[in-house]
Amino acid sequence: MSQLSPTERSWAKGLTVFAATIMIVAGVFQALQGLVALANSEFYVVGSEYTFEFDVTAWGWIHLLLGIGLAVVGYFLFVGATWARWTAIVLVGFSMFANFMWLPYYPLWALIIIALDVAVVWAITNGD
């Protein structure tokens, strides 16, 4: 294994900070999305039947717990916990899957979260 140059080390650190920041922000937004679904189940309306249809309250809990998990792991990624890198990739994978299934309820928001999740995976895997 080769040593990283100072420039490569700076880029790796910057990508990790980027990933952690995006995870925290996306996690908070996802948790808020879950709270909205729990507080007002009529806020999100699905227009047609969908294969992955769940009750909006169930989706609220899924997004709330996933958002909290993303924010917490994002914090630990930010402070440099080594376990947080793989945990982040797994959790972000779950987030992408959940938001894909959430598409009929709030398509634009689901696509934004999926795009942020892809950016996080890219940053983590291209860091150190």
Protein backbone atom coordinates (compact mmCIF):
# COMPACT_ATOMS: atom_id res chain seq x y z
CA MET A 1 0.00 0.00 0.00
CA SER A 2 1.42 3.38 -0.93
CA GLN A 3 1.51 6.46 1.24
CA LEU A 4 -0.79 9.30 0.30
CA SER A 5 0.74 12.60 -0.68
CA PRO A 6 -0.30 15.70 1.31
CA THR A 7 -2.56 16.74 -1.57
CA GLU A 8 -4.22 13.32 -1.73
CA ARG A 9 -4.66 13.34 2.04
CA SER A 10 -6.33 16.76 1.83
CA TRP A 11 -8.72 15.55 -0.85
CA ALA A 12 -9.54 12.41 1.13
CA LYS A 13 -10.26 14.45 4.26
CA GLY A 14 -12.36 16.91 2.27
CA LEU A 15 -14.43 14.13 0.73
CA THR A 16 -15.04 12.59 4.14
CA VAL A 17 -16.15 15.95 5.57
CA PHE A 18 -18.42 16.41 2.54
CA ALA A 19 -19.96 12.96 3.02
CA ALA A 20 -20.48 13.48 6.74
CA THR A 21 -22.08 16.88 6.24
CA ILE A 22 -24.43 15.62 3.54
CA MET A 23 -25.36 12.62 5.70
CA ILE A 24 -26.23 14.85 8.63
CA VAL A 25 -28.27 17.26 6.49
CA ALA A 26 -30.06 14.47 4.58
CA GLY A 27 -30.68 12.61 7.84
CA VAL A 28 -32.28 15.65 9.47
CA PHE A 29 -34.43 16.28 6.39
CA GLN A 30 -35.46 12.64 6.24
CA ALA A 31 -36.34 12.65 9.96
CA LEU A 32 -38.45 15.78 9.41
CA GLN A 33 -40.15 14.07 6.48
CA GLY A 34 -40.97 11.18 8.82
CA LEU A 35 -42.32 13.53 11.48
CA VAL A 36 -44.60 15.17 8.91
CA ALA A 37 -45.93 11.76 7.88
CA LEU A 38 -46.56 10.84 11.53
CA ALA A 39 -48.18 14.16 12.43
CA ASN A 40 -50.39 14.50 9.34
CA SER A 41 -50.99 11.28 7.44
CA GLU A 42 -52.97 13.13 4.75
CA PHE A 43 -50.07 15.42 3.83
CA TYR A 44 -48.56 12.79 1.51
CA VAL A 45 -50.97 11.40 -1.05
CA VAL A 46 -50.19 8.61 -3.48
CA GLY A 47 -52.04 9.00 -6.76
CA SER A 48 -52.22 5.42 -7.99
CA GLU A 49 -51.69 1.91 -6.72
CA TYR A 50 -48.03 1.08 -6.21
CA THR A 51 -46.27 -2.20 -5.59
CA PHE A 52 -44.45 -0.97 -2.47
CA GLU A 53 -47.47 0.65 -0.85
CA PHE A 54 -47.33 1.00 2.94
CA ASP A 55 -49.41 3.03 5.31
CA VAL A 56 -48.13 6.62 5.51
CA THR A 57 -47.66 6.22 9.27
CA ALA A 58 -45.37 3.24 8.65
CA TRP A 59 -43.42 5.34 6.17
CA GLY A 60 -43.22 8.08 8.78
CA TRP A 61 -41.52 5.72 11.23
CA ILE A 62 -39.21 4.35 8.55
CA HIS A 63 -38.06 7.83 7.51
CA LEU A 64 -37.79 9.10 11.08
CA LEU A 65 -35.61 6.20 12.26
CA LEU A 66 -33.54 6.16 9.06
CA GLY A 67 -33.01 9.92 9.28
CA ILE A 68 -31.86 9.73 12.89
CA GLY A 69 -29.51 6.89 11.99
CA LEU A 70 -28.06 8.83 9.06
CA ALA A 71 -27.47 11.94 11.15
CA VAL A 72 -25.82 9.99 13.98
CA VAL A 73 -23.54 7.98 11.68
CA GLY A 74 -22.77 11.18 9.74
CA TYR A 75 -21.61 12.79 12.98
CA PHE A 76 -19.34 9.84 13.78
CA LEU A 77 -18.00 9.89 10.23
CA PHE A 78 -17.24 13.58 10.72
CA VAL A 79 -15.27 12.95 13.93
CA GLY A 80 -13.31 10.15 12.28
CA ALA A 81 -14.73 6.92 13.72
CA THR A 82 -13.38 4.12 11.54
CA TRP A 83 -16.52 1.97 11.87
CA ALA A 84 -18.64 4.83 10.53
CA ARG A 85 -17.38 4.48 6.92
CA TRP A 86 -18.86 1.02 6.28
CA THR A 87 -21.88 1.73 8.45
CA ALA A 88 -22.52 4.88 6.43
CA ILE A 89 -22.39 3.01 3.13
CA VAL A 90 -24.85 0.38 4.39
CA LEU A 91 -27.21 2.95 5.92
CA VAL A 92 -27.12 5.17 2.84
CA GLY A 93 -27.92 2.08 0.75
CA PHE A 94 -31.02 1.53 2.90
CA SER A 95 -31.88 5.20 2.46
CA MET A 96 -31.66 4.96 -1.33
CA PHE A 97 -33.86 1.86 -1.32
CA ALA A 98 -36.44 3.42 1.03
CA ASN A 99 -36.60 6.61 -1.01
CA PHE A 100 -36.99 4.65 -4.22
CA MET A 101 -40.02 2.97 -2.67
CA TRP A 102 -41.22 6.41 -1.44
CA LEU A 103 -41.22 7.87 -5.00
CA PRO A 104 -45.02 7.82 -5.54
CA TYR A 105 -45.63 9.74 -2.30
CA TYR A 106 -43.24 12.64 -2.87
CA PRO A 107 -41.22 12.09 -6.09
CA LEU A 108 -39.10 15.22 -6.22
CA TRP A 109 -37.99 14.96 -2.62
CA ALA A 110 -37.25 11.23 -2.94
CA LEU A 111 -35.07 11.90 -6.00
CA ILE A 112 -33.19 14.68 -4.18
CA ILE A 113 -32.43 12.38 -1.23
CA ILE A 114 -31.35 9.57 -3.59
CA ALA A 115 -28.99 11.98 -5.38
CA LEU A 116 -27.52 13.14 -2.06
CA ASP A 117 -27.09 9.50 -1.01
CA VAL A 118 -25.24 8.72 -4.24
CA ALA A 119 -22.94 11.69 -3.59
CA VAL A 120 -22.25 10.37 -0.06
CA VAL A 121 -21.35 6.89 -1.30
CA TRP A 122 -19.10 8.40 -3.97
CA ALA A 123 -17.36 10.63 -1.43
CA ILE A 124 -16.85 7.83 1.11
CA THR A 125 -15.52 5.35 -1.43
CA ASN A 126 -13.21 7.94 -3.02
CA GLY A 127 -11.94 9.28 0.32
CA ASP A 128 -8.93 7.69 2.04
